Amino acid sequence: MTGLFYYDHQVVDVAKRVTPSDQGELEITDGNRHCLKQGSLRVERMVRGMAWLDTKTHDALVEASHFIQTLEHCQGLRVGCPEDVT
């Protein structure tokens, strides 16, 4: 599952109901599944030209940084720039 997640104050109660993974972490996917079952989750599919970059490790963060740097330098795009949003 990919996406950008925004939660209201009820996310704390949802997190309390989630069982930690084998790594002892609360997985966002489990929380999302709970919200989906409750009917409180709105999903929008990512369209072509969008990318999800998982940055939960140092290596993944470096890879994401290189990806963004390549887009900006080679494509002439600015990523995450509010002035470019219409």
PDB file of N, CA and C in Angstrom:
ATOM      1  N   MET A   1       0.855  -1.165   0.000  1.00  0.00           N
ATOM      2  CA  MET A   1       0.000   0.000   0.000  1.00  0.00           C
ATOM      3  C   MET A   1       0.904   1.231   0.000  1.00  0.00           C
ATOM      4  N   THR A   2       0.604   2.149  -0.862  1.00  0.00           N
ATOM      5  CA  THR A   2       1.367   3.384  -0.889  1.00  0.00           C
ATOM      6  C   THR A   2       0.430   4.539  -0.650  1.00  0.00           C
ATOM      7  N   GLY A   3       0.981   5.607  -0.173  1.00  0.00           N
ATOM      8  CA  GLY A   3       0.136   6.775   0.007  1.00  0.00           C
ATOM      9  C   GLY A   3       0.730   7.798   0.934  1.00  0.00           C
ATOM     10  N   LEU A   4       0.060   8.892   1.005  1.00  0.00           N
ATOM     11  CA  LEU A   4       0.384   9.956   1.939  1.00  0.00           C
ATOM     12  C   LEU A   4      -0.758   9.969   2.932  1.00  0.00           C
ATOM     13  N   PHE A   5      -0.438   9.856   4.190  1.00  0.00           N
ATOM     14  CA  PHE A   5      -1.455   9.648   5.200  1.00  0.00           C
ATOM     15  C   PHE A   5      -1.628  10.870   6.084  1.00  0.00           C
ATOM     16  N   TYR A   6      -2.883  11.295   6.235  1.00  0.00           N
ATOM     17  CA  TYR A   6      -3.253  12.350   7.172  1.00  0.00           C
ATOM     18  C   TYR A   6      -4.269  11.750   8.128  1.00  0.00           C
ATOM     19  N   TYR A   7      -4.067  11.954   9.410  1.00  0.00           N
ATOM     20  CA  TYR A   7      -4.966  11.387  10.407  1.00  0.00           C
ATOM     21  C   TYR A   7      -5.481  12.469  11.339  1.00  0.00           C
ATOM     22  N   ASP A   8      -6.672  12.242  11.870  1.00  0.00           N
ATOM     23  CA  ASP A   8      -7.186  13.147  12.884  1.00  0.00           C
ATOM     24  C   ASP A   8      -6.817  12.596  14.270  1.00  0.00           C
ATOM     25  N   HIS A   9      -7.364  13.181  15.297  1.00  0.00           N
ATOM     26  CA  HIS A   9      -7.009  12.806  16.671  1.00  0.00           C
ATOM     27  C   HIS A   9      -7.367  11.363  17.008  1.00  0.00           C
ATOM     28  N   GLN A  10      -8.263  10.749  16.243  1.00  0.00           N
ATOM     29  CA  GLN A  10      -8.683   9.382  16.537  1.00  0.00           C
ATOM     30  C   GLN A  10      -7.601   8.346  16.239  1.00  0.00           C
ATOM     31  N   VAL A  11      -6.544   8.758  15.557  1.00  0.00           N
ATOM     32  CA  VAL A  11      -5.475   7.817  15.210  1.00  0.00           C
ATOM     33  C   VAL A  11      -4.808   7.234  16.464  1.00  0.00           C
ATOM     34  N   VAL A  12      -4.818   7.962  17.548  1.00  0.00           N
ATOM     35  CA  VAL A  12      -4.227   7.456  18.793  1.00  0.00           C
ATOM     36  C   VAL A  12      -5.006   6.243  19.284  1.00  0.00           C
ATOM     37  N   ASP A  13      -6.335   6.320  19.241  1.00  0.00           N
ATOM     38  CA  ASP A  13      -7.156   5.176  19.636  1.00  0.00           C
ATOM     39  C   ASP A  13      -6.958   3.994  18.699  1.00  0.00           C
ATOM     40  N   VAL A  14      -6.818   4.272  17.406  1.00  0.00           N
ATOM     41  CA  VAL A  14      -6.567   3.198  16.424  1.00  0.00           C
ATOM     42  C   VAL A  14      -5.223   2.538  16.731  1.00  0.00           C
ATOM     43  N   ALA A  15      -4.200   3.319  16.995  1.00  0.00           N
ATOM     44  CA  ALA A  15      -2.868   2.772  17.273  1.00  0.00           C
ATOM     45  C   ALA A  15      -2.876   1.882  18.514  1.00  0.00           C
ATOM     46  N   LYS A  16      -3.710   2.209  19.480  1.00  0.00           N
ATOM     47  CA  LYS A  16      -3.794   1.390  20.693  1.00  0.00           C
ATOM     48  C   LYS A  16      -4.357   0.003  20.405  1.00  0.00           C
ATOM     49  N   ARG A  17      -5.121  -0.128  19.309  1.00  0.00           N
ATOM     50  CA  ARG A  17      -5.737  -1.409  18.961  1.00  0.00           C
ATOM     51  C   ARG A  17      -4.851  -2.265  18.047  1.00  0.00           C
ATOM     52  N   VAL A  18      -3.806  -1.679  17.504  1.00  0.00           N
ATOM     53  CA  VAL A  18      -2.935  -2.396  16.572  1.00  0.00           C
ATOM     54  C   VAL A  18      -1.926  -3.239  17.343  1.00  0.00           C
ATOM     55  N   THR A  19      -1.767  -4.469  16.907  1.00  0.00           N
ATOM     56  CA  THR A  19      -0.796  -5.375  17.514  1.00  0.00           C
ATOM     57  C   THR A  19       0.569  -5.141  16.859  1.00  0.00           C
ATOM     58  N   PRO A  20       1.640  -4.998  17.646  1.00  0.00           N
ATOM     59  CA  PRO A  20       2.968  -4.799  17.055  1.00  0.00           C
ATOM     60  C   PRO A  20       3.367  -5.964  16.138  1.00  0.00           C
ATOM     61  N   SER A  21       4.163  -5.633  15.123  1.00  0.00           N
ATOM     62  CA  SER A  21       4.660  -6.629  14.179  1.00  0.00           C
ATOM     63  C   SER A  21       5.734  -7.488  14.844  1.00  0.00           C
ATOM     64  N   ASP A  22       6.263  -8.451  14.099  1.00  0.00           N
ATOM     65  CA  ASP A  22       7.344  -9.302  14.614  1.00  0.00           C
ATOM     66  C   ASP A  22       8.577  -8.482  15.000  1.00  0.00           C
ATOM     67  N   GLN A  23       8.727  -7.310  14.388  1.00  0.00           N
ATOM     68  CA  GLN A  23       9.851  -6.416  14.711  1.00  0.00           C
ATOM     69  C   GLN A  23       9.526  -5.506  15.896  1.00  0.00           C
ATOM     70  N   GLY A  24       8.329  -5.663  16.460  1.00  0.00           N
ATOM     71  CA  GLY A  24       7.929  -4.855  17.608  1.00  0.00           C
ATOM     72  C   GLY A  24       7.453  -3.466  17.236  1.00  0.00           C
ATOM     73  N   GLU A  25       7.131  -3.267  15.952  1.00  0.00           N
ATOM     74  CA  GLU A  25       6.700  -1.952  15.486  1.00  0.00           C
ATOM     75  C   GLU A  25       5.205  -1.945  15.184  1.00  0.00           C
ATOM     76  N   LEU A  26       4.595  -0.775  15.307  1.00  0.00           N
ATOM     77  CA  LEU A  26       3.213  -0.600  14.867  1.00  0.00           C
ATOM     78  C   LEU A  26       3.260  -0.293  13.377  1.00  0.00           C
ATOM     79  N   GLU A  27       2.608  -1.119  12.580  1.00  0.00           N
ATOM     80  CA  GLU A  27       2.638  -0.959  11.133  1.00  0.00           C
ATOM     81  C   GLU A  27       1.488  -0.074  10.679  1.00  0.00           C
ATOM     82  N   ILE A  28       1.808   0.932   9.885  1.00  0.00           N
ATOM     83  CA  ILE A  28       0.797   1.870   9.412  1.00  0.00           C
ATOM     84  C   ILE A  28      -0.281   1.159   8.602  1.00  0.00           C
ATOM     85  N   THR A  29       0.099   0.099   7.904  1.00  0.00           N
ATOM     86  CA  THR A  29      -0.873  -0.651   7.105  1.00  0.00           C
ATOM     87  C   THR A  29      -1.956  -1.255   7.977  1.00  0.00           C
ATOM     88  N   ASP A  30      -1.585  -1.744   9.157  1.00  0.00           N
ATOM     89  CA  ASP A  30      -2.583  -2.313  10.072  1.00  0.00           C
ATOM     90  C   ASP A  30      -3.558  -1.238  10.545  1.00  0.00           C
ATOM     91  N   GLY A  31      -3.042  -0.063  10.840  1.00  0.00           N
ATOM     92  CA  GLY A  31      -3.911   1.050  11.230  1.00  0.00           C
ATOM     93  C   GLY A  31      -4.832   1.456  10.089  1.00  0.00           C
ATOM     94  N   ASN A  32      -4.297   1.471   8.883  1.00  0.00           N
ATOM     95  CA  ASN A  32      -5.112   1.809   7.719  1.00  0.00           C
ATOM     96  C   ASN A  32      -6.208   0.772   7.489  1.00  0.00           C
ATOM     97  N   ARG A  33      -5.879  -0.497   7.666  1.00  0.00           N
ATOM     98  CA  ARG A  33      -6.892  -1.553   7.521  1.00  0.00           C
ATOM     99  C   ARG A  33      -8.025  -1.365   8.521  1.00  0.00           C
ATOM    100  N   HIS A  34      -7.669  -1.005   9.739  1.00  0.00           N
ATOM    101  CA  HIS A  34      -8.684  -0.761  10.764  1.00  0.00           C
ATOM    102  C   HIS A  34      -9.601   0.383  10.325  1.00  0.00           C
ATOM    103  N   CYS A  35      -9.015   1.470   9.869  1.00  0.00           N
ATOM    104  CA  CYS A  35      -9.806   2.623   9.418  1.00  0.00           C
ATOM    105  C   CYS A  35     -10.659   2.257   8.207  1.00  0.00           C
ATOM    106  N   LEU A  36     -10.128   1.423   7.313  1.00  0.00           N
ATOM    107  CA  LEU A  36     -10.885   0.989   6.146  1.00  0.00           C
ATOM    108  C   LEU A  36     -12.115   0.192   6.568  1.00  0.00           C
ATOM    109  N   LYS A  37     -11.943  -0.710   7.543  1.00  0.00           N
ATOM    110  CA  LYS A  37     -13.072  -1.501   8.040  1.00  0.00           C
ATOM    111  C   LYS A  37     -14.130  -0.612   8.687  1.00  0.00           C
ATOM    112  N   GLN A  38     -13.687   0.463   9.343  1.00  0.00           N
ATOM    113  CA  GLN A  38     -14.619   1.399   9.984  1.00  0.00           C
ATOM    114  C   GLN A  38     -15.312   2.313   8.973  1.00  0.00           C
ATOM    115  N   GLY A  39     -14.779   2.341   7.762  1.00  0.00           N
ATOM    116  CA  GLY A  39     -15.331   3.229   6.746  1.00  0.00           C
ATOM    117  C   GLY A  39     -14.845   4.659   6.879  1.00  0.00           C
ATOM    118  N   SER A  40     -13.769   4.862   7.632  1.00  0.00           N
ATOM    119  CA  SER A  40     -13.264   6.224   7.851  1.00  0.00           C
ATOM    120  C   SER A  40     -12.004   6.525   7.043  1.00  0.00           C
ATOM    121  N   LEU A  41     -11.678   5.663   6.085  1.00  0.00           N
ATOM    122  CA  LEU A  41     -10.477   5.852   5.278  1.00  0.00           C
ATOM    123  C   LEU A  41     -10.873   6.253   3.864  1.00  0.00           C
ATOM    124  N   ARG A  42     -10.328   7.340   3.390  1.00  0.00           N
ATOM    125  CA  ARG A  42     -10.528   7.771   2.007  1.00  0.00           C
ATOM    126  C   ARG A  42      -9.237   7.493   1.249  1.00  0.00           C
ATOM    127  N   VAL A  43      -9.336   6.830   0.130  1.00  0.00           N
ATOM    128  CA  VAL A  43      -8.172   6.427  -0.651  1.00  0.00           C
ATOM    129  C   VAL A  43      -8.201   7.099  -2.006  1.00  0.00           C
ATOM    130  N   GLU A  44      -7.071   7.618  -2.418  1.00  0.00           N
ATOM    131  CA  GLU A  44      -6.918   8.158  -3.759  1.00  0.00           C
ATOM    132  C   GLU A  44      -5.706   7.488  -4.381  1.00  0.00           C
ATOM    133  N   ARG A  45      -5.902   6.888  -5.534  1.00  0.00           N
ATOM    134  CA  ARG A  45      -4.804   6.215  -6.219  1.00  0.00           C
ATOM    135  C   ARG A  45      -3.822   7.235  -6.771  1.00  0.00           C
ATOM    136  N   MET A  46      -2.568   6.846  -6.716  1.00  0.00           N
ATOM    137  CA  MET A  46      -1.538   7.689  -7.302  1.00  0.00           C
ATOM    138  C   MET A  46      -1.589   7.527  -8.820  1.00  0.00           C
ATOM    139  N   VAL A  47      -1.401   8.612  -9.529  1.00  0.00           N
ATOM    140  CA  VAL A  47      -1.442   8.583 -10.981  1.00  0.00           C
ATOM    141  C   VAL A  47      -0.027   8.546 -11.544  1.00  0.00           C
ATOM    142  N   ARG A  48       0.053   8.329 -12.830  1.00  0.00           N
ATOM    143  CA  ARG A  48       1.345   8.294 -13.498  1.00  0.00           C
ATOM    144  C   ARG A  48       2.113   9.581 -13.222  1.00  0.00           C
ATOM    145  N   GLY A  49       3.389   9.430 -12.976  1.00  0.00           N
ATOM    146  CA  GLY A  49       4.225  10.585 -12.678  1.00  0.00           C
ATOM    147  C   GLY A  49       4.417  10.821 -11.193  1.00  0.00           C
ATOM    148  N   MET A  50       3.682  10.084 -10.359  1.00  0.00           N
ATOM    149  CA  MET A  50       3.844  10.163  -8.911  1.00  0.00           C
ATOM    150  C   MET A  50       4.716   9.000  -8.455  1.00  0.00           C
ATOM    151  N   ALA A  51       5.391   9.171  -7.362  1.00  0.00           N
ATOM    152  CA  ALA A  51       6.230   8.105  -6.827  1.00  0.00           C
ATOM    153  C   ALA A  51       6.156   8.118  -5.311  1.00  0.00           C
ATOM    154  N   TRP A  52       6.150   6.934  -4.719  1.00  0.00           N
ATOM    155  CA  TRP A  52       6.215   6.782  -3.272  1.00  0.00           C
ATOM    156  C   TRP A  52       7.633   6.378  -2.927  1.00  0.00           C
ATOM    157  N   LEU A  53       8.279   7.119  -2.065  1.00  0.00           N
ATOM    158  CA  LEU A  53       9.649   6.842  -1.667  1.00  0.00           C
ATOM    159  C   LEU A  53       9.672   6.523  -0.177  1.00  0.00           C
ATOM    160  N   ASP A  54       9.906   5.269   0.137  1.00  0.00           N
ATOM    161  CA  ASP A  54       9.966   4.836   1.534  1.00  0.00           C
ATOM    162  C   ASP A  54      11.315   5.274   2.097  1.00  0.00           C
ATOM    163  N   THR A  55      11.303   6.036   3.156  1.00  0.00           N
ATOM    164  CA  THR A  55      12.555   6.579   3.695  1.00  0.00           C
ATOM    165  C   THR A  55      12.748   6.218   5.165  1.00  0.00           C
ATOM    166  N   LYS A  56      12.350   4.999   5.533  1.00  0.00           N
ATOM    167  CA  LYS A  56      12.454   4.645   6.956  1.00  0.00           C
ATOM    168  C   LYS A  56      13.834   4.149   7.370  1.00  0.00           C
ATOM    169  N   THR A  57      14.752   3.972   6.421  1.00  0.00           N
ATOM    170  CA  THR A  57      16.130   3.616   6.775  1.00  0.00           C
ATOM    171  C   THR A  57      17.071   4.675   6.203  1.00  0.00           C
ATOM    172  N   HIS A  58      18.286   4.707   6.707  1.00  0.00           N
ATOM    173  CA  HIS A  58      19.263   5.672   6.202  1.00  0.00           C
ATOM    174  C   HIS A  58      19.545   5.442   4.720  1.00  0.00           C
ATOM    175  N   ASP A  59      19.720   4.180   4.316  1.00  0.00           N
ATOM    176  CA  ASP A  59      19.985   3.870   2.913  1.00  0.00           C
ATOM    177  C   ASP A  59      18.822   4.298   2.019  1.00  0.00           C
ATOM    178  N   ALA A  60      17.594   4.033   2.466  1.00  0.00           N
ATOM    179  CA  ALA A  60      16.428   4.404   1.674  1.00  0.00           C
ATOM    180  C   ALA A  60      16.319   5.919   1.546  1.00  0.00           C
ATOM    181  N   LEU A  61      16.668   6.647   2.594  1.00  0.00           N
ATOM    182  CA  LEU A  61      16.636   8.108   2.546  1.00  0.00           C
ATOM    183  C   LEU A  61      17.656   8.634   1.536  1.00  0.00           C
ATOM    184  N   VAL A  62      18.837   8.039   1.518  1.00  0.00           N
ATOM    185  CA  VAL A  62      19.865   8.439   0.547  1.00  0.00           C
ATOM    186  C   VAL A  62      19.391   8.145  -0.873  1.00  0.00           C
ATOM    187  N   GLU A  63      18.813   6.964  -1.089  1.00  0.00           N
ATOM    188  CA  GLU A  63      18.301   6.609  -2.414  1.00  0.00           C
ATOM    189  C   GLU A  63      17.210   7.581  -2.857  1.00  0.00           C
ATOM    190  N   ALA A  64      16.309   7.928  -1.955  1.00  0.00           N
ATOM    191  CA  ALA A  64      15.249   8.879  -2.286  1.00  0.00           C
ATOM    192  C   ALA A  64      15.840  10.248  -2.619  1.00  0.00           C
ATOM    193  N   SER A  65      16.839  10.648  -1.872  1.00  0.00           N
ATOM    194  CA  SER A  65      17.497  11.939  -2.133  1.00  0.00           C
ATOM    195  C   SER A  65      18.129  11.964  -3.516  1.00  0.00           C
ATOM    196  N   HIS A  66      18.766  10.860  -3.893  1.00  0.00           N
ATOM    197  CA  HIS A  66      19.377  10.777  -5.221  1.00  0.00           C
ATOM    198  C   HIS A  66      18.313  10.800  -6.322  1.00  0.00           C
ATOM    199  N   PHE A  67      17.201  10.143  -6.067  1.00  0.00           N
ATOM    200  CA  PHE A  67      16.101  10.137  -7.035  1.00  0.00           C
ATOM    201  C   PHE A  67      15.592  11.556  -7.264  1.00  0.00           C
ATOM    202  N   ILE A  68      15.353  12.276  -6.181  1.00  0.00           N
ATOM    203  CA  ILE A  68      14.865  13.655  -6.281  1.00  0.00           C
ATOM    204  C   ILE A  68      15.902  14.541  -6.959  1.00  0.00           C
ATOM    205  N   GLN A  69      17.159  14.361  -6.598  1.00  0.00           N
ATOM    206  CA  GLN A  69      18.234  15.146  -7.215  1.00  0.00           C
ATOM    207  C   GLN A  69      18.285  14.904  -8.725  1.00  0.00           C
ATOM    208  N   THR A  70      18.132  13.650  -9.136  1.00  0.00           N
ATOM    209  CA  THR A  70      18.139  13.318 -10.562  1.00  0.00           C
ATOM    210  C   THR A  70      16.969  13.974 -11.282  1.00  0.00           C
ATOM    211  N   LEU A  71      15.777  13.893 -10.700  1.00  0.00           N
ATOM    212  CA  LEU A  71      14.619  14.542 -11.313  1.00  0.00           C
ATOM    213  C   LEU A  71      14.849  16.039 -11.485  1.00  0.00           C
ATOM    214  N   GLU A  72      15.317  16.672 -10.432  1.00  0.00           N
ATOM    215  CA  GLU A  72      15.489  18.120 -10.483  1.00  0.00           C
ATOM    216  C   GLU A  72      16.572  18.520 -11.488  1.00  0.00           C
ATOM    217  N   HIS A  73      17.680  17.794 -11.515  1.00  0.00           N
ATOM    218  CA  HIS A  73      18.779  18.165 -12.410  1.00  0.00           C
ATOM    219  C   HIS A  73      18.534  17.769 -13.861  1.00  0.00           C
ATOM    220  N   CYS A  74      18.020  16.571 -14.086  1.00  0.00           N
ATOM    221  CA  CYS A  74      17.852  16.079 -15.457  1.00  0.00           C
ATOM    222  C   CYS A  74      16.555  16.527 -16.116  1.00  0.00           C
ATOM    223  N   GLN A  75      15.502  16.660 -15.343  1.00  0.00           N
ATOM    224  CA  GLN A  75      14.205  17.008 -15.900  1.00  0.00           C
ATOM    225  C   GLN A  75      13.898  18.509 -15.774  1.00  0.00           C
ATOM    226  N   GLY A  76      14.666  19.190 -14.955  1.00  0.00           N
ATOM    227  CA  GLY A  76      14.392  20.604 -14.741  1.00  0.00           C
ATOM    228  C   GLY A  76      13.163  20.834 -13.879  1.00  0.00           C
ATOM    229  N   LEU A  77      12.769  19.799 -13.127  1.00  0.00           N
ATOM    230  CA  LEU A  77      11.605  19.896 -12.248  1.00  0.00           C
ATOM    231  C   LEU A  77      12.036  20.284 -10.840  1.00  0.00           C
ATOM    232  N   ARG A  78      11.138  20.915 -10.128  1.00  0.00           N
ATOM    233  CA  ARG A  78      11.375  21.162  -8.707  1.00  0.00           C
ATOM    234  C   ARG A  78      10.369  20.305  -7.932  1.00  0.00           C
ATOM    235  N   VAL A  79      10.857  19.499  -7.036  1.00  0.00           N
ATOM    236  CA  VAL A  79      10.011  18.575  -6.304  1.00  0.00           C
ATOM    237  C   VAL A  79       9.670  19.155  -4.939  1.00  0.00           C
ATOM    238  N   GLY A  80       8.387  19.120  -4.590  1.00  0.00           N
ATOM    239  CA  GLY A  80       7.945  19.606  -3.292  1.00  0.00           C
ATOM    240  C   GLY A  80       8.000  21.109  -3.172  1.00  0.00           C
ATOM    241  N   CYS A  81       7.849  21.801  -4.270  1.00  0.00           N
ATOM    242  CA  CYS A  81       7.943  23.259  -4.284  1.00  0.00           C
ATOM    243  C   CYS A  81       6.536  23.861  -4.317  1.00  0.00           C
ATOM    244  N   PRO A  82       6.084  24.471  -3.233  1.00  0.00           N
ATOM    245  CA  PRO A  82       4.724  25.020  -3.182  1.00  0.00           C
ATOM    246  C   PRO A  82       4.439  26.034  -4.288  1.00  0.00           C
ATOM    247  N   GLU A  83       5.457  26.757  -4.736  1.00  0.00           N
ATOM    248  CA  GLU A  83       5.248  27.756  -5.793  1.00  0.00           C
ATOM    249  C   GLU A  83       4.849  27.123  -7.117  1.00  0.00           C
ATOM    250  N   ASP A  84       5.172  25.850  -7.311  1.00  0.00           N
ATOM    251  CA  ASP A  84       4.848  25.168  -8.566  1.00  0.00           C
ATOM    252  C   ASP A  84       3.480  24.508  -8.549  1.00  0.00           C
ATOM    253  N   VAL A  85       2.825  24.460  -7.402  1.00  0.00           N
ATOM    254  CA  VAL A  85       1.524  23.795  -7.299  1.00  0.00           C
ATOM    255  C   VAL A  85       0.451  24.749  -7.811  1.00  0.00           C
ATOM    256  N   THR A  86      -0.394  24.215  -8.702  1.00  0.00           N
ATOM    257  CA  THR A  86      -1.480  25.054  -9.236  1.00  0.00           C
ATOM    258  C   THR A  86      -2.821  24.544  -8.787  1.00  0.00           C
TER     259      THR A  86
END
